[in-house]
Amino acid sequence: MCQRGWCGESYENVQVIDGADNCTYDVFRITDAKFATVFPNGQDIQFIEDLIKRLDESELSALFDKFWDDRLDKKDVVGIHGTLFYELAYKKKCYPTKKENDLI
């Protein structure tokens, strides 16, 4: 069955953590292709500031088109495949390889 326009595509779950005091740590479903753009080379950690530096405006627009439309209920999530940090650049020192398993 096709749900939310994802017919025939595989996807990954991305948790977004921002610097707001009331951050809800939402999880979003994105296609494998978009996941590979956000998290290249086997990474599973990304900082929005680095993504903005790496991609041009049209790539960012295509990447985030509908990204926010597919928020998942965390009770139903099976696995989190990547974490995207917003306004938390100070945490970069903890993730030098941008891989969660290499956390310092």
Protein backbone atom coordinates (compact mmCIF):
# COMPACT_ATOMS: atom_id res chain seq x y z
CA MET A 1 0.00 0.00 0.00
CA CYS A 2 1.24 3.50 -0.82
CA GLN A 3 1.30 5.92 2.09
CA ARG A 4 2.07 9.63 2.04
CA GLY A 5 3.51 9.55 -1.48
CA TRP A 6 6.23 6.99 -0.70
CA CYS A 7 4.99 4.29 -3.08
CA GLY A 8 7.89 2.17 -4.32
CA GLU A 9 10.55 4.08 -2.41
CA SER A 10 12.52 2.91 0.58
CA TYR A 11 13.19 5.33 3.38
CA GLU A 12 15.17 6.09 6.52
CA ASN A 13 14.16 7.76 9.77
CA VAL A 14 15.92 10.96 10.82
CA GLN A 15 15.66 12.51 14.26
CA VAL A 16 15.91 16.31 14.33
CA ILE A 17 17.34 17.89 17.46
CA ASP A 18 17.38 21.66 17.70
CA GLY A 19 18.61 24.14 20.23
CA ALA A 20 15.17 25.20 21.46
CA ASP A 21 14.38 24.63 25.12
CA ASN A 22 11.12 23.01 24.04
CA CYS A 23 12.62 20.75 21.38
CA THR A 24 10.45 17.67 20.83
CA TYR A 25 13.13 15.55 19.09
CA ASP A 26 10.83 14.82 16.15
CA VAL A 27 11.51 11.93 13.79
CA PHE A 28 10.92 12.29 10.05
CA ARG A 29 10.90 9.75 7.25
CA ILE A 30 12.95 10.61 4.16
CA THR A 31 13.84 8.67 1.03
CA ASP A 32 17.11 6.76 0.81
CA ALA A 33 18.28 9.24 -1.83
CA LYS A 34 17.66 12.24 0.45
CA PHE A 35 19.24 10.38 3.35
CA ALA A 36 22.40 9.82 1.29
CA THR A 37 22.51 13.53 0.53
CA VAL A 38 22.19 14.53 4.18
CA PHE A 39 24.45 11.76 5.51
CA PRO A 40 27.16 10.95 2.93
CA ASN A 41 29.92 8.38 3.33
CA GLY A 42 28.22 6.29 5.99
CA GLN A 43 27.64 9.20 8.34
CA ASP A 44 24.66 9.15 10.66
CA ILE A 45 25.18 12.57 12.28
CA GLN A 46 24.80 15.90 10.49
CA PHE A 47 24.74 19.56 11.45
CA ILE A 48 22.51 21.90 9.47
CA GLU A 49 25.31 24.47 9.27
CA ASP A 50 27.54 21.96 7.46
CA LEU A 51 24.75 20.91 5.15
CA ILE A 52 24.12 24.54 4.20
CA LYS A 53 27.81 24.98 3.40
CA ARG A 54 27.94 21.80 1.29
CA LEU A 55 24.78 22.21 -0.78
CA ASP A 56 23.64 25.10 -2.95
CA GLU A 57 20.25 26.73 -2.59
CA SER A 58 18.49 24.59 -5.21
CA GLU A 59 19.86 21.37 -3.67
CA LEU A 60 18.69 22.47 -0.22
CA SER A 61 15.29 23.35 -1.59
CA ALA A 62 14.93 19.95 -3.27
CA LEU A 63 16.18 18.18 -0.15
CA PHE A 64 13.79 19.84 2.25
CA ASP A 65 10.80 19.88 -0.10
CA LYS A 66 8.27 17.81 1.84
CA PHE A 67 10.90 16.81 4.43
CA TRP A 68 8.82 18.33 7.23
CA ASP A 69 5.58 16.81 5.92
CA ASP A 70 6.35 13.27 7.04
CA ARG A 71 6.76 13.52 10.80
CA LEU A 72 6.36 10.15 12.46
CA ASP A 73 4.77 9.27 15.77
CA LYS A 74 7.76 8.21 17.86
CA LYS A 75 5.78 5.35 19.38
CA ASP A 76 5.56 3.81 15.89
CA VAL A 77 9.18 4.39 14.81
CA VAL A 78 11.30 1.32 14.19
CA GLY A 79 14.87 2.58 14.23
CA ILE A 80 16.49 5.97 13.88
CA HIS A 81 19.03 5.99 11.09
CA GLY A 82 20.41 9.51 11.41
CA THR A 83 20.40 12.61 13.59
CA LEU A 84 20.24 16.15 12.22
CA PHE A 85 21.29 18.87 14.66
CA TYR A 86 20.01 22.47 14.37
CA GLU A 87 21.62 25.36 16.24
CA LEU A 88 23.87 22.97 18.16
CA ALA A 89 27.20 23.48 16.37
CA TYR A 90 29.04 23.28 19.70
CA LYS A 91 28.33 19.53 19.69
CA LYS A 92 30.52 19.03 16.58
CA LYS A 93 33.53 18.38 18.79
CA CYS A 94 31.74 15.27 20.09
CA TYR A 95 31.19 13.87 16.58
CA PRO A 96 34.46 14.39 14.65
CA THR A 97 33.61 11.68 12.09
CA LYS A 98 29.87 12.39 12.10
CA LYS A 99 29.28 8.79 13.07
CA GLU A 100 27.42 8.07 16.26
CA ASN A 101 29.62 5.08 17.09
CA ASP A 102 32.67 7.37 17.16
CA LEU A 103 31.19 9.69 19.79
CA ILE A 104 33.88 11.30 21.94
